[in-house]
Amino acid sequence: MMKEPGKVKLTKEDKEKFAREAKTLDPLEFLALSRFINDYKARFTKADLKFLNSHLGRRAERLLRNVVENFSFDDRPERKEDGETAGF
């Protein structure tokens, strides 16, 4: 009989890397990662799942903002992640 896998606990380093990498996901990577996390959400702790979804939500907002403002998913380098434009 096969033992059911337990919960995955993200380390501080895991969270730092995820936060950094989530900021640069292109739309296809975003969708694939969102699907993966959704498929395996039972494997993550509640706090870690909240952390992951929070960062994915920020990236989704950024991608949608890019489409509305630039008619493109591409990030503009002069724009900060929090929505402020540089130099203004």
N, C-alpha and C. Protein backbone atom coordinates (compact mmCIF):
# COMPACT_ATOMS: atom_id res chain seq x y z
N MET A 1 0.85 -1.18 0.00
CA MET A 1 0.00 0.00 0.00
C MET A 1 0.89 1.24 0.00
N MET A 2 0.57 2.18 -0.83
CA MET A 2 1.36 3.39 -0.98
C MET A 2 0.92 4.45 0.02
N LYS A 3 1.90 5.05 0.68
CA LYS A 3 1.61 6.10 1.65
C LYS A 3 1.30 7.40 0.92
N GLU A 4 0.27 8.11 1.38
CA GLU A 4 -0.09 9.39 0.76
C GLU A 4 0.94 10.46 1.13
N PRO A 5 1.38 11.25 0.14
CA PRO A 5 2.39 12.27 0.42
C PRO A 5 1.86 13.34 1.38
N GLY A 6 2.76 13.88 2.17
CA GLY A 6 2.39 14.89 3.15
C GLY A 6 2.41 16.29 2.57
N LYS A 7 2.27 17.25 3.46
CA LYS A 7 2.27 18.66 3.07
C LYS A 7 3.68 19.13 2.76
N VAL A 8 3.77 20.07 1.84
CA VAL A 8 5.05 20.69 1.49
C VAL A 8 5.13 22.01 2.25
N LYS A 9 6.20 22.21 2.97
CA LYS A 9 6.42 23.46 3.70
C LYS A 9 7.48 24.26 2.97
N LEU A 10 7.13 25.46 2.51
CA LEU A 10 8.09 26.31 1.81
C LEU A 10 9.07 26.93 2.79
N THR A 11 10.34 26.94 2.41
CA THR A 11 11.36 27.57 3.24
C THR A 11 11.40 29.07 2.91
N LYS A 12 12.15 29.80 3.70
CA LYS A 12 12.32 31.23 3.44
C LYS A 12 12.93 31.46 2.06
N GLU A 13 13.90 30.64 1.69
CA GLU A 13 14.55 30.75 0.39
C GLU A 13 13.56 30.45 -0.74
N ASP A 14 12.71 29.43 -0.53
CA ASP A 14 11.68 29.10 -1.53
C ASP A 14 10.76 30.29 -1.76
N LYS A 15 10.34 30.92 -0.68
CA LYS A 15 9.42 32.06 -0.79
C LYS A 15 10.08 33.25 -1.47
N GLU A 16 11.34 33.50 -1.14
CA GLU A 16 12.06 34.62 -1.76
C GLU A 16 12.20 34.39 -3.27
N LYS A 17 12.56 33.17 -3.66
CA LYS A 17 12.73 32.87 -5.08
C LYS A 17 11.38 32.93 -5.80
N PHE A 18 10.34 32.39 -5.19
CA PHE A 18 9.02 32.43 -5.82
C PHE A 18 8.57 33.87 -6.02
N ALA A 19 8.73 34.70 -5.00
CA ALA A 19 8.32 36.11 -5.09
C ALA A 19 9.08 36.82 -6.21
N ARG A 20 10.37 36.55 -6.31
CA ARG A 20 11.21 37.19 -7.34
C ARG A 20 10.82 36.70 -8.74
N GLU A 21 10.65 35.41 -8.90
CA GLU A 21 10.36 34.84 -10.21
C GLU A 21 8.92 35.11 -10.66
N ALA A 22 8.00 35.20 -9.73
CA ALA A 22 6.59 35.44 -10.09
C ALA A 22 6.42 36.80 -10.77
N LYS A 23 7.29 37.75 -10.46
CA LYS A 23 7.19 39.09 -11.04
C LYS A 23 7.48 39.12 -12.54
N THR A 24 8.12 38.07 -13.05
CA THR A 24 8.52 38.08 -14.46
C THR A 24 7.84 36.99 -15.28
N LEU A 25 6.84 36.33 -14.74
CA LEU A 25 6.15 35.28 -15.48
C LEU A 25 5.45 35.86 -16.71
N ASP A 26 5.62 35.18 -17.84
CA ASP A 26 4.84 35.58 -19.01
C ASP A 26 3.46 34.93 -18.88
N PRO A 27 2.50 35.30 -19.72
CA PRO A 27 1.14 34.78 -19.56
C PRO A 27 1.04 33.25 -19.57
N LEU A 28 1.78 32.59 -20.44
CA LEU A 28 1.71 31.13 -20.49
C LEU A 28 2.31 30.49 -19.24
N GLU A 29 3.43 31.03 -18.77
CA GLU A 29 4.02 30.53 -17.53
C GLU A 29 3.09 30.77 -16.36
N PHE A 30 2.46 31.94 -16.35
CA PHE A 30 1.52 32.27 -15.29
C PHE A 30 0.37 31.26 -15.24
N LEU A 31 -0.22 30.98 -16.41
CA LEU A 31 -1.33 30.02 -16.46
C LEU A 31 -0.90 28.62 -16.05
N ALA A 32 0.27 28.19 -16.52
CA ALA A 32 0.77 26.86 -16.18
C ALA A 32 1.03 26.74 -14.68
N LEU A 33 1.66 27.75 -14.11
CA LEU A 33 1.97 27.71 -12.67
C LEU A 33 0.69 27.79 -11.84
N SER A 34 -0.25 28.62 -12.25
CA SER A 34 -1.53 28.71 -11.54
C SER A 34 -2.24 27.37 -11.55
N ARG A 35 -2.24 26.72 -12.68
CA ARG A 35 -2.88 25.41 -12.81
C ARG A 35 -2.19 24.38 -11.94
N PHE A 36 -0.86 24.39 -11.95
CA PHE A 36 -0.09 23.45 -11.13
C PHE A 36 -0.41 23.64 -9.65
N ILE A 37 -0.39 24.89 -9.19
CA ILE A 37 -0.66 25.16 -7.77
C ILE A 37 -2.09 24.76 -7.42
N ASN A 38 -3.03 25.03 -8.31
CA ASN A 38 -4.41 24.64 -8.06
C ASN A 38 -4.56 23.12 -8.00
N ASP A 39 -3.89 22.41 -8.89
CA ASP A 39 -3.96 20.95 -8.91
C ASP A 39 -3.37 20.31 -7.66
N TYR A 40 -2.36 20.95 -7.10
CA TYR A 40 -1.66 20.39 -5.94
C TYR A 40 -1.87 21.20 -4.66
N LYS A 41 -2.96 21.96 -4.60
CA LYS A 41 -3.18 22.84 -3.45
C LYS A 41 -3.31 22.07 -2.14
N ALA A 42 -3.72 20.83 -2.18
CA ALA A 42 -3.83 20.03 -0.95
C ALA A 42 -2.47 19.71 -0.36
N ARG A 43 -1.42 19.83 -1.15
CA ARG A 43 -0.07 19.52 -0.68
C ARG A 43 0.61 20.67 0.04
N PHE A 44 0.07 21.89 -0.09
CA PHE A 44 0.67 23.06 0.53
C PHE A 44 -0.03 23.38 1.84
N THR A 45 0.71 23.98 2.76
CA THR A 45 0.09 24.44 4.00
C THR A 45 -0.81 25.62 3.66
N LYS A 46 -1.74 25.90 4.54
CA LYS A 46 -2.69 26.99 4.30
C LYS A 46 -1.96 28.33 4.14
N ALA A 47 -0.97 28.59 5.00
CA ALA A 47 -0.21 29.84 4.94
C ALA A 47 0.60 29.94 3.64
N ASP A 48 1.21 28.83 3.23
CA ASP A 48 2.00 28.84 2.00
C ASP A 48 1.11 29.03 0.77
N LEU A 49 -0.05 28.39 0.77
CA LEU A 49 -0.98 28.55 -0.34
C LEU A 49 -1.45 30.00 -0.45
N LYS A 50 -1.70 30.61 0.69
CA LYS A 50 -2.08 32.03 0.71
C LYS A 50 -0.96 32.88 0.13
N PHE A 51 0.28 32.61 0.50
CA PHE A 51 1.45 33.32 -0.01
C PHE A 51 1.55 33.17 -1.52
N LEU A 52 1.45 31.93 -2.02
CA LEU A 52 1.57 31.67 -3.45
C LEU A 52 0.47 32.39 -4.23
N ASN A 53 -0.76 32.27 -3.76
CA ASN A 53 -1.89 32.91 -4.45
C ASN A 53 -1.79 34.43 -4.41
N SER A 54 -1.25 34.96 -3.33
CA SER A 54 -1.08 36.41 -3.23
C SER A 54 -0.14 36.92 -4.32
N HIS A 55 0.98 36.24 -4.50
CA HIS A 55 1.94 36.65 -5.52
C HIS A 55 1.41 36.41 -6.93
N LEU A 56 0.68 35.34 -7.11
CA LEU A 56 0.08 35.11 -8.43
C LEU A 56 -0.98 36.16 -8.73
N GLY A 57 -1.73 36.56 -7.71
CA GLY A 57 -2.74 37.61 -7.90
C GLY A 57 -2.11 38.93 -8.30
N ARG A 58 -0.99 39.27 -7.69
CA ARG A 58 -0.28 40.50 -8.06
C ARG A 58 0.19 40.45 -9.50
N ARG A 59 0.69 39.28 -9.90
CA ARG A 59 1.16 39.15 -11.28
C ARG A 59 -0.01 39.22 -12.26
N ALA A 60 -1.13 38.62 -11.90
CA ALA A 60 -2.32 38.69 -12.77
C ALA A 60 -2.76 40.14 -12.95
N GLU A 61 -2.76 40.90 -11.86
CA GLU A 61 -3.13 42.31 -11.94
C GLU A 61 -2.18 43.06 -12.85
N ARG A 62 -0.90 42.78 -12.73
CA ARG A 62 0.11 43.46 -13.55
C ARG A 62 -0.06 43.13 -15.02
N LEU A 63 -0.30 41.85 -15.32
CA LEU A 63 -0.50 41.46 -16.71
C LEU A 63 -1.73 42.13 -17.31
N LEU A 64 -2.81 42.19 -16.55
CA LEU A 64 -4.02 42.85 -17.05
C LEU A 64 -3.81 44.35 -17.21
N ARG A 65 -3.10 44.97 -16.27
CA ARG A 65 -2.80 46.39 -16.37
C ARG A 65 -1.97 46.67 -17.62
N ASN A 66 -1.01 45.79 -17.91
CA ASN A 66 -0.19 45.95 -19.11
C ASN A 66 -1.05 45.92 -20.37
N VAL A 67 -2.01 45.03 -20.42
CA VAL A 67 -2.88 44.93 -21.59
C VAL A 67 -3.71 46.20 -21.75
N VAL A 68 -4.27 46.68 -20.66
CA VAL A 68 -5.11 47.88 -20.71
C VAL A 68 -4.29 49.11 -21.10
N GLU A 69 -3.13 49.28 -20.51
CA GLU A 69 -2.34 50.48 -20.73
C GLU A 69 -1.47 50.42 -21.99
N ASN A 70 -0.95 49.24 -22.31
CA ASN A 70 0.04 49.13 -23.38
C ASN A 70 -0.42 48.26 -24.55
N PHE A 71 -1.58 47.65 -24.43
CA PHE A 71 -2.07 46.71 -25.43
C PHE A 71 -1.07 45.58 -25.65
N SER A 72 -0.39 45.20 -24.58
CA SER A 72 0.62 44.16 -24.64
C SER A 72 0.79 43.57 -23.24
N PHE A 73 1.18 42.30 -23.16
CA PHE A 73 1.47 41.68 -21.86
C PHE A 73 2.85 42.06 -21.34
N ASP A 74 3.68 42.64 -22.19
CA ASP A 74 5.07 42.94 -21.82
C ASP A 74 5.14 43.98 -20.72
N ASP A 75 6.07 43.73 -19.79
CA ASP A 75 6.34 44.70 -18.73
C ASP A 75 7.18 45.83 -19.31
N ARG A 76 6.85 47.04 -18.90
CA ARG A 76 7.66 48.19 -19.33
C ARG A 76 8.68 48.46 -18.23
N PRO A 77 9.95 48.58 -18.58
CA PRO A 77 11.00 48.72 -17.57
C PRO A 77 10.88 49.97 -16.72
N GLU A 78 10.27 51.03 -17.24
CA GLU A 78 10.19 52.26 -16.46
C GLU A 78 9.06 52.23 -15.43
N ARG A 79 8.33 51.13 -15.37
CA ARG A 79 7.21 51.02 -14.45
C ARG A 79 7.59 50.15 -13.26
N LYS A 80 7.31 50.61 -12.07
CA LYS A 80 7.58 49.84 -10.87
C LYS A 80 6.43 48.87 -10.62
N GLU A 81 6.69 47.84 -9.84
CA GLU A 81 5.70 46.81 -9.57
C GLU A 81 4.49 47.34 -8.81
N ASP A 82 4.66 48.38 -8.01
CA ASP A 82 3.55 48.86 -7.20
C ASP A 82 2.66 49.85 -7.97
N GLY A 83 2.90 50.05 -9.25
CA GLY A 83 2.02 50.88 -10.05
C GLY A 83 2.48 52.30 -10.23
N GLU A 84 3.54 52.71 -9.56
CA GLU A 84 4.04 54.07 -9.73
C GLU A 84 4.95 54.13 -10.95
N THR A 85 4.90 55.23 -11.66
CA THR A 85 5.81 55.38 -12.79
C THR A 85 7.07 56.10 -12.32
N ALA A 86 8.18 55.68 -12.85
CA ALA A 86 9.45 56.29 -12.46
C ALA A 86 9.57 57.67 -13.07
N GLY A 87 10.12 58.58 -12.30
CA GLY A 87 10.37 59.92 -12.80
C GLY A 87 9.21 60.88 -12.66
N PHE A 88 8.12 60.44 -12.08
CA PHE A 88 6.97 61.33 -11.91
C PHE A 88 6.68 61.58 -10.46
